[in-house]
Amino acid sequence: MTHPLRMLRSTPIAILVPLLFTACAHTAGPAPKTSTPPAQIGVASFNLAWAGSQQDFDRHAAVCTAVNWCDTRPKREKGQSSPTEAAVQEAKQCVADTERLSGGPAQAAMSVPCNAYLGRDRSTPPTSADYAAKLSGLQATIANLIEKGGVKVIAFQEVRSAEVIKTLLGKYADRYATCDAPHDGFQTTAFAWDKRMGETGAKCSVNEDLAVSDNPGAKDARKVRPGLTLELAWGERRISFLNVHLKSSCANIVPTPIYQARLLDDPNPACQVLNRQVAPIERWLDSVAARSPDFVLLGDFNRRIDEEAAANIRPEQVRLDGSNPAGVPPQDANGKVATRYLWQELNDGSRALKQVPLTKVDAGCRGFTGLDHIVLSGALAARQAPDIGSYKTAVVQAPGQRIETSDHCPRSVTLNF
């Protein structure tokens, strides 16, 4: 089910000025007219790593100082397969204290966990100036995408709101429209796009079906992030962008020294949540493809779909019962499906999809690898060069910066229309 999305049109303000989060309209107004649509468009996906306003950070720091920067997740010592009972109880106490000081569970959910910005040096808590440096780095990184990469559509993850995006756009805030997916958690998805791209405006809509419960039936269960669609049109031509930030911690099918290989039928709780997001993604793709054959699925998949594609999985291996993976898989009462592999389930033969390979990575690019992807519909992929590739650019970070700008590098591609 999709719902109209509030759109933000605010004047950019300085990084250190507290942001006012205000209600916004549901659709962008008519964009400035252009004679012809651009022949090439830069498209990017960028996970901002818990990006909020300066005011958000100051509230976060006040609460976390009061609870001595405790961790709401049970700590697991090196070599342990699971945390000790003492660690579990310590984390529960941290949750209770944080919720009390935040004003309740709902307010705590809209705040950043105390461990989010600590980094490796946990002895000295981050300051307001440290957070301002992070925001400055994000603003400079986005400016580079626009100025050097020619990026006109950016899908964001791990951001508090579109109002924050407006601030991070800096001098480009008036040129770019924004929208976000309202959510009951701090992290959500958002878009920014150049207003000059279309003649008939734009439409954003939220896919709340992707915001599945992290523990079905539990009274205090939270929902993971929703999806977000941006539809743009030039005359007779229409293109849609689907922005996702899927459940984390069920990423790879190739084991590493740090991460265990996991399929989507793994009993691991994170895999169980990601599993329940499969059918909603399939339905979303079917719905968008029916009205807009040209579409881009991009964002933080938290899954190595490149590894899955390279594994050459046979169709009868995709589902537990060996059935044809074409179409939306049947769900049980909790939304679970009998699917092992995300990529093979999505690229199931009922629609053509193409992963844009990663062909270039900046030397200074660090952080997570293999989680952010750009996928094209078959119709759109057919109009691209056979050797189309995407690239990752390093985030801007000052020497000695205590809160990293982001633990993801933005991934971009230039598309022919």
Protein backbone atom coordinates (compact mmCIF):
# COMPACT_ATOMS: atom_id res chain seq x y z
CA MET A 1 0.00 0.00 0.00
CA THR A 2 1.40 3.42 -0.90
CA HIS A 3 0.54 6.77 0.56
CA PRO A 4 1.05 10.34 -0.71
CA LEU A 5 4.28 11.86 0.52
CA ARG A 6 4.90 15.21 2.03
CA MET A 7 7.35 17.30 -0.03
CA LEU A 8 9.69 19.87 1.43
CA ARG A 9 10.57 23.26 -0.05
CA SER A 10 12.54 25.13 2.55
CA THR A 11 15.22 27.78 2.22
CA PRO A 12 18.67 26.32 3.00
CA ILE A 13 20.03 27.25 6.40
CA ALA A 14 23.48 27.09 7.91
CA ILE A 15 24.71 23.75 9.21
CA LEU A 16 24.84 24.88 12.80
CA VAL A 17 21.38 26.44 12.95
CA PRO A 18 18.75 24.12 14.49
CA LEU A 19 16.32 22.80 11.93
CA LEU A 20 12.60 23.24 12.17
CA PHE A 21 10.82 20.09 11.07
CA THR A 22 7.63 21.22 9.39
CA ALA A 23 4.83 19.60 7.49
CA CYS A 24 5.10 19.70 3.73
CA ALA A 25 3.01 19.36 0.61
CA HIS A 26 2.35 16.03 -1.08
CA THR A 27 3.73 16.72 -4.55
CA ALA A 28 6.36 18.94 -6.07
CA GLY A 29 5.12 21.92 -8.05
CA PRO A 30 5.65 22.24 -11.78
CA ALA A 31 9.33 22.14 -12.62
CA PRO A 32 10.86 24.79 -14.90
CA LYS A 33 10.15 23.84 -18.50
CA THR A 34 12.88 22.44 -20.71
CA SER A 35 12.75 22.00 -24.45
CA THR A 36 13.97 18.41 -24.42
CA PRO A 37 14.82 15.95 -21.69
CA PRO A 38 18.53 15.57 -20.95
CA ALA A 39 20.24 12.81 -22.92
CA GLN A 40 22.18 11.59 -19.90
CA ILE A 41 21.34 11.67 -16.23
CA GLY A 42 23.62 11.00 -13.29
CA VAL A 43 21.95 8.87 -10.60
CA ALA A 44 23.42 8.10 -7.18
CA SER A 45 22.67 6.24 -3.96
CA PHE A 46 24.17 7.48 -0.70
CA ASN A 47 23.80 6.11 2.84
CA LEU A 48 24.36 9.08 5.18
CA ALA A 49 25.06 7.11 8.36
CA TRP A 50 22.55 8.45 10.89
CA ALA A 51 22.33 11.97 9.46
CA GLY A 52 20.11 14.36 11.38
CA SER A 53 20.19 18.03 12.23
CA GLN A 54 22.58 19.69 14.64
CA GLN A 55 19.65 19.98 17.03
CA ASP A 56 19.04 16.22 16.72
CA PHE A 57 22.62 15.59 17.77
CA ASP A 58 22.43 17.93 20.74
CA ARG A 59 19.33 16.11 22.05
CA HIS A 60 21.10 12.78 21.44
CA ALA A 61 24.19 13.91 23.36
CA ALA A 62 22.16 15.14 26.32
CA VAL A 63 20.43 11.77 26.77
CA CYS A 64 23.55 9.71 26.12
CA THR A 65 25.62 11.70 28.59
CA ALA A 66 22.98 11.01 31.24
CA VAL A 67 23.17 7.24 30.62
CA ASN A 68 26.97 7.23 30.32
CA TRP A 69 26.84 6.44 26.58
CA CYS A 70 25.57 2.91 27.17
CA ASP A 71 24.84 0.47 24.33
CA THR A 72 21.28 -0.73 23.74
CA ARG A 73 22.58 -3.83 21.98
CA PRO A 74 24.12 -6.70 24.00
CA LYS A 75 27.88 -6.72 23.60
CA ARG A 76 29.44 -9.92 22.37
CA GLU A 77 33.07 -10.45 23.23
CA LYS A 78 35.54 -11.73 20.67
CA GLY A 79 35.17 -15.47 20.20
CA GLN A 80 31.70 -15.60 21.71
CA SER A 81 28.87 -17.00 19.57
CA SER A 82 26.31 -15.10 21.65
CA PRO A 83 26.36 -12.42 24.36
CA THR A 84 26.38 -13.38 28.00
CA GLU A 85 23.28 -13.04 30.17
CA ALA A 86 24.97 -10.16 31.99
CA ALA A 87 25.50 -8.33 28.68
CA VAL A 88 21.84 -8.89 27.75
CA GLN A 89 20.65 -7.45 31.06
CA GLU A 90 23.01 -4.50 30.74
CA ALA A 91 21.59 -3.69 27.30
CA LYS A 92 18.02 -3.98 28.58
CA GLN A 93 18.80 -1.51 31.35
CA CYS A 94 20.30 0.85 28.78
CA VAL A 95 17.10 0.65 26.71
CA ALA A 96 14.94 1.38 29.76
CA ASP A 97 17.06 4.35 30.85
CA THR A 98 17.25 5.79 27.34
CA GLU A 99 13.49 5.54 26.83
CA ARG A 100 12.79 7.17 30.18
CA LEU A 101 15.06 10.13 29.48
CA SER A 102 13.81 10.48 25.90
CA GLY A 103 10.17 10.70 26.99
CA GLY A 104 9.06 7.18 26.13
CA PRO A 105 9.65 4.39 23.58
CA ALA A 106 8.25 6.36 20.63
CA GLN A 107 10.53 9.32 21.30
CA ALA A 108 13.53 7.05 21.85
CA ALA A 109 12.88 5.39 18.47
CA MET A 110 13.21 8.80 16.83
CA SER A 111 16.62 9.33 18.44
CA VAL A 112 20.06 8.02 17.54
CA PRO A 113 21.50 5.15 19.65
CA CYS A 114 24.29 6.23 21.95
CA ASN A 115 26.88 4.08 20.18
CA ALA A 116 26.16 5.44 16.69
CA TYR A 117 28.84 8.17 16.62
CA LEU A 118 31.34 6.82 19.13
CA GLY A 119 33.70 5.16 16.65
CA ARG A 120 36.79 3.46 18.01
CA ASP A 121 37.61 6.06 20.65
CA ARG A 122 34.86 5.44 23.19
CA SER A 123 36.74 7.18 26.00
CA THR A 124 35.89 10.68 24.75
CA PRO A 125 32.24 11.23 23.73
CA PRO A 126 31.65 13.21 20.52
CA THR A 127 30.86 16.91 20.74
CA SER A 128 28.57 19.26 18.87
CA ALA A 129 31.59 20.49 16.90
CA ASP A 130 32.44 16.90 15.94
CA TYR A 131 28.95 16.42 14.55
CA ALA A 132 29.10 19.72 12.66
CA ALA A 133 32.22 18.37 10.93
CA LYS A 134 30.29 15.27 9.84
CA LEU A 135 27.51 17.41 8.36
CA SER A 136 30.06 19.59 6.60
CA GLY A 137 31.63 16.48 5.07
CA LEU A 138 28.25 15.23 3.87
CA GLN A 139 27.46 18.60 2.30
CA ALA A 140 30.81 18.67 0.47
CA THR A 141 30.37 15.07 -0.72
CA ILE A 142 26.91 15.82 -2.14
CA ALA A 143 28.26 18.95 -3.84
CA ASN A 144 30.94 16.79 -5.50
CA LEU A 145 28.28 14.39 -6.80
CA ILE A 146 26.42 17.29 -8.38
CA GLU A 147 29.39 19.31 -9.65
CA LYS A 148 31.81 16.58 -10.71
CA GLY A 149 29.49 13.62 -11.28
CA GLY A 150 26.62 15.42 -12.98
CA VAL A 151 24.22 13.67 -10.58
CA LYS A 152 20.61 14.87 -10.88
CA VAL A 153 18.79 12.19 -8.86
CA ILE A 154 20.09 11.05 -5.45
CA ALA A 155 18.54 8.31 -3.33
CA PHE A 156 19.45 8.71 0.35
CA GLN A 157 19.34 6.23 3.22
CA GLU A 158 19.84 6.65 6.98
CA VAL A 159 18.60 10.23 7.10
CA ARG A 160 16.20 11.82 9.58
CA SER A 161 14.10 13.78 7.06
CA ALA A 162 14.00 15.67 3.78
CA GLU A 163 14.55 18.85 5.79
CA VAL A 164 18.02 17.55 6.65
CA ILE A 165 18.62 16.81 2.95
CA LYS A 166 17.73 20.42 2.11
CA THR A 167 20.41 21.61 4.50
CA LEU A 168 23.00 19.18 3.13
CA LEU A 169 22.29 20.34 -0.43
CA GLY A 170 23.70 23.71 0.60
CA LYS A 171 23.85 26.11 -2.36
CA TYR A 172 21.91 23.61 -4.48
CA ALA A 173 18.88 23.51 -2.19
CA ASP A 174 16.82 25.83 -4.40
CA ARG A 175 17.66 23.84 -7.53
CA TYR A 176 16.76 20.43 -6.11
CA ALA A 177 13.39 19.20 -4.89
CA THR A 178 13.24 16.70 -2.03
CA CYS A 179 10.93 14.14 -0.50
CA ASP A 180 11.14 11.57 2.29
CA ALA A 181 9.29 8.56 3.66
CA PRO A 182 7.68 9.39 7.03
CA HIS A 183 8.65 6.70 9.51
CA ASP A 184 8.39 5.97 13.24
CA GLY A 185 12.16 5.46 13.46
CA PHE A 186 15.05 7.91 13.06
CA GLN A 187 16.39 6.34 9.87
CA THR A 188 14.37 6.70 6.69
CA THR A 189 14.78 7.00 2.92
CA ALA A 190 14.68 10.21 0.88
CA PHE A 191 15.23 11.62 -2.61
CA ALA A 192 16.65 14.81 -4.06
CA TRP A 193 16.31 15.61 -7.77
CA ASP A 194 17.07 18.48 -10.10
CA LYS A 195 13.85 20.43 -10.71
CA ARG A 196 14.94 21.12 -14.31
CA MET A 197 14.60 17.47 -15.28
CA GLY A 198 10.87 17.43 -16.06
CA GLU A 199 8.07 19.54 -17.45
CA THR A 200 5.15 17.99 -15.57
CA GLY A 201 6.47 17.83 -12.03
CA ALA A 202 7.21 14.76 -9.99
CA LYS A 203 5.49 12.33 -7.66
CA CYS A 204 6.83 10.59 -4.57
CA SER A 205 5.06 7.76 -2.76
CA VAL A 206 5.91 5.65 0.26
CA ASN A 207 5.93 1.86 0.23
CA GLU A 208 5.01 0.99 3.80
CA ASP A 209 4.78 -2.71 3.01
CA LEU A 210 8.58 -2.87 3.18
CA ALA A 211 8.49 -1.56 6.75
CA VAL A 212 7.88 -5.02 8.17
CA SER A 213 7.92 -5.73 11.89
CA ASP A 214 11.25 -6.86 13.27
CA ASN A 215 9.40 -9.28 15.58
CA PRO A 216 5.85 -10.17 14.46
CA GLY A 217 3.42 -10.41 17.35
CA ALA A 218 5.66 -8.69 19.89
CA LYS A 219 4.08 -5.77 21.71
CA ASP A 220 7.19 -3.59 21.54
CA ALA A 221 8.28 -4.63 18.03
CA ARG A 222 9.64 -1.94 15.74
CA LYS A 223 9.35 -1.63 11.99
CA VAL A 224 12.25 -1.52 9.58
CA ARG A 225 12.60 1.23 6.99
CA PRO A 226 9.92 1.84 4.33
CA GLY A 227 10.63 2.08 0.61
CA LEU A 228 10.24 5.25 -1.44
CA THR A 229 9.33 5.79 -5.10
CA LEU A 230 10.11 8.86 -7.19
CA GLU A 231 8.36 9.14 -10.58
CA LEU A 232 9.55 11.68 -13.15
CA ALA A 233 8.06 12.34 -16.59
CA TRP A 234 9.12 14.14 -19.74
CA GLY A 235 6.17 14.35 -22.08
CA GLU A 236 5.41 10.80 -23.12
CA ARG A 237 8.36 9.34 -21.27
CA ARG A 238 8.31 8.29 -17.63
CA ILE A 239 10.92 6.83 -15.31
CA SER A 240 10.63 5.62 -11.72
CA PHE A 241 13.28 5.29 -9.02
CA LEU A 242 12.76 2.83 -6.14
CA ASN A 243 14.82 3.59 -3.05
CA VAL A 244 15.38 0.76 -0.54
CA HIS A 245 17.19 0.27 2.74
CA LEU A 246 16.65 -3.38 3.62
CA LYS A 247 17.26 -5.20 6.89
CA SER A 248 20.93 -5.48 7.83
CA SER A 249 23.07 -8.36 9.15
CA CYS A 250 22.11 -11.01 6.59
CA ALA A 251 24.42 -9.86 3.86
CA ASN A 252 26.51 -12.54 2.20
CA ILE A 253 26.50 -16.07 0.83
CA VAL A 254 30.30 -16.25 0.73
CA PRO A 255 31.76 -16.59 4.25
CA THR A 256 34.41 -14.16 5.48
CA PRO A 257 36.56 -14.10 8.63
CA ILE A 258 33.98 -11.72 10.15
CA TYR A 259 30.64 -12.65 8.57
CA GLN A 260 28.99 -16.05 8.33
CA ALA A 261 27.37 -17.04 5.03
CA ARG A 262 23.58 -16.95 5.33
CA LEU A 263 20.69 -17.74 3.02
CA LEU A 264 17.28 -16.14 3.43
CA ASP A 265 15.88 -19.26 5.10
CA ASP A 266 18.51 -18.99 7.84
CA PRO A 267 17.01 -18.96 11.38
CA ASN A 268 19.09 -15.88 12.19
CA PRO A 269 16.63 -13.13 13.29
CA ALA A 270 17.98 -10.59 10.80
CA CYS A 271 17.57 -13.05 7.92
CA GLN A 272 14.02 -13.74 9.04
CA VAL A 273 13.21 -10.03 8.77
CA LEU A 274 14.90 -9.66 5.38
CA ASN A 275 13.00 -12.76 4.22
CA ARG A 276 9.69 -11.04 5.02
CA GLN A 277 10.70 -8.09 2.82
CA VAL A 278 11.00 -10.27 -0.31
CA ALA A 279 7.32 -10.46 -1.25
CA PRO A 280 6.71 -6.70 -0.72
CA ILE A 281 9.65 -5.90 -3.03
CA GLU A 282 8.29 -8.24 -5.69
CA ARG A 283 4.83 -6.67 -5.54
CA TRP A 284 6.36 -3.20 -5.66
CA LEU A 285 8.40 -4.05 -8.75
CA ASP A 286 5.35 -5.52 -10.48
CA SER A 287 3.28 -2.44 -9.69
CA VAL A 288 5.90 0.03 -10.91
CA ALA A 289 6.76 -2.00 -14.01
CA ALA A 290 3.10 -2.04 -15.05
CA ARG A 291 2.96 1.76 -15.30
CA SER A 292 6.62 2.63 -15.89
CA PRO A 293 8.72 0.00 -17.73
CA ASP A 294 11.76 2.24 -17.26
CA PHE A 295 12.76 2.03 -13.60
CA VAL A 296 15.81 1.99 -11.33
CA LEU A 297 15.93 -0.01 -8.10
CA LEU A 298 18.72 1.34 -5.93
CA GLY A 299 19.84 1.87 -2.37
CA ASP A 300 21.35 -0.03 0.53
CA PHE A 301 20.22 -3.63 -0.02
CA ASN A 302 22.28 -4.89 2.94
CA ARG A 303 22.69 -7.99 0.79
CA ARG A 304 25.46 -9.07 -1.59
CA ILE A 305 23.20 -9.59 -4.58
CA ASP A 306 26.36 -9.47 -6.70
CA GLU A 307 27.57 -12.60 -4.91
CA GLU A 308 24.20 -14.25 -5.47
CA ALA A 309 24.29 -13.42 -9.19
CA ALA A 310 27.83 -14.78 -9.53
CA ALA A 311 26.85 -18.06 -7.86
CA ASN A 312 24.83 -19.21 -10.91
CA ILE A 313 22.03 -20.61 -8.79
CA ARG A 314 19.66 -22.89 -10.72
CA PRO A 315 15.93 -21.95 -10.67
CA GLU A 316 15.00 -25.06 -8.69
CA GLN A 317 17.46 -24.03 -5.94
CA VAL A 318 15.92 -20.63 -5.28
CA ARG A 319 12.91 -21.83 -3.27
CA LEU A 320 12.86 -24.52 -0.64
CA ASP A 321 10.18 -26.50 -2.45
CA GLY A 322 12.00 -26.30 -5.79
CA SER A 323 9.12 -24.40 -7.42
CA ASN A 324 9.60 -21.90 -10.23
CA PRO A 325 10.69 -18.56 -8.66
CA ALA A 326 8.63 -16.55 -11.19
CA GLY A 327 6.04 -14.30 -9.56
CA VAL A 328 5.52 -13.24 -5.96
CA PRO A 329 6.34 -16.12 -3.59
CA PRO A 330 3.57 -17.34 -1.26
CA GLN A 331 3.75 -15.97 2.29
CA ASP A 332 2.85 -17.55 5.61
CA ALA A 333 0.87 -15.79 8.34
CA ASN A 334 3.92 -13.72 9.34
CA GLY A 335 4.90 -12.82 5.78
CA LYS A 336 7.74 -15.32 5.51
CA VAL A 337 8.51 -16.91 2.12
CA ALA A 338 10.27 -20.15 1.16
CA THR A 339 13.07 -18.26 -0.60
CA ARG A 340 16.83 -18.70 -0.20
CA TYR A 341 18.22 -16.02 -2.55
CA LEU A 342 17.11 -12.42 -2.97
CA TRP A 343 18.54 -11.70 -6.44
CA GLN A 344 17.26 -14.86 -8.11
CA GLU A 345 13.82 -14.29 -6.59
CA LEU A 346 13.64 -10.72 -7.93
CA ASN A 347 15.21 -11.49 -11.30
CA ASP A 348 12.89 -14.45 -11.75
CA GLY A 349 12.16 -14.38 -15.48
CA SER A 350 8.80 -12.63 -15.15
CA ARG A 351 10.66 -9.33 -15.53
CA ALA A 352 14.20 -8.56 -16.74
CA LEU A 353 16.58 -6.85 -14.34
CA LYS A 354 20.23 -5.88 -14.71
CA GLN A 355 22.68 -5.12 -11.95
CA VAL A 356 24.98 -2.24 -12.91
CA PRO A 357 28.47 -3.57 -12.13
CA LEU A 358 30.88 -1.60 -9.99
CA THR A 359 33.74 -0.64 -12.33
CA LYS A 360 35.54 2.14 -10.48
CA VAL A 361 36.26 2.90 -6.81
CA ASP A 362 38.07 6.02 -5.59
CA ALA A 363 41.34 5.31 -3.81
CA GLY A 364 40.09 7.09 -0.70
CA CYS A 365 36.83 5.16 -0.54
CA ARG A 366 36.48 3.16 2.69
CA GLY A 367 33.63 1.58 4.60
CA PHE A 368 31.09 -1.07 3.69
CA THR A 369 31.39 -2.87 0.37
CA GLY A 370 28.89 -4.90 -1.61
CA LEU A 371 25.75 -3.56 0.12
CA ASP A 372 24.80 -0.61 -2.10
CA HIS A 373 23.49 -1.51 -5.54
CA ILE A 374 21.94 0.00 -8.67
CA VAL A 375 19.59 -2.24 -10.67
CA LEU A 376 17.96 -1.33 -13.99
CA SER A 377 14.77 -2.65 -15.54
CA GLY A 378 15.25 -4.61 -18.73
CA ALA A 379 13.70 -1.86 -20.86
CA LEU A 380 16.01 0.79 -19.43
CA ALA A 381 19.08 -1.47 -19.54
CA ALA A 382 18.48 -2.09 -23.26
CA ARG A 383 19.21 1.59 -23.98
CA GLN A 384 22.53 1.62 -22.15
CA ALA A 385 25.99 0.84 -23.46
CA PRO A 386 26.95 -2.84 -23.07
CA ASP A 387 29.86 -1.87 -20.83
CA ILE A 388 27.83 0.36 -18.51
CA GLY A 389 29.36 0.59 -15.05
CA SER A 390 28.94 2.42 -11.78
CA TYR A 391 31.52 4.05 -9.56
CA LYS A 392 32.02 4.81 -5.89
CA THR A 393 33.41 8.17 -4.84
CA ALA A 394 35.16 8.82 -1.54
CA VAL A 395 33.35 10.89 1.05
CA VAL A 396 34.89 14.21 2.06
CA GLN A 397 36.45 13.98 5.51
CA ALA A 398 38.78 16.37 7.34
CA PRO A 399 42.02 15.09 8.91
CA GLY A 400 41.36 13.90 12.43
CA GLN A 401 37.58 14.10 12.04
CA ARG A 402 36.15 12.22 15.04
CA ILE A 403 32.73 11.32 13.61
CA GLU A 404 33.18 9.83 10.18
CA THR A 405 31.24 11.49 7.37
CA SER A 406 29.72 8.13 6.42
CA ASP A 407 30.61 4.45 6.49
CA HIS A 408 29.30 4.15 2.91
CA CYS A 409 30.70 5.73 -0.24
CA PRO A 410 28.07 7.06 -2.66
CA ARG A 411 27.57 4.86 -5.73
CA SER A 412 26.68 6.52 -9.03
CA VAL A 413 25.90 5.74 -12.64
CA THR A 414 25.28 7.83 -15.76
CA LEU A 415 22.20 6.65 -17.67
CA ASN A 416 21.13 7.28 -21.25
CA PHE A 417 17.49 8.19 -21.75
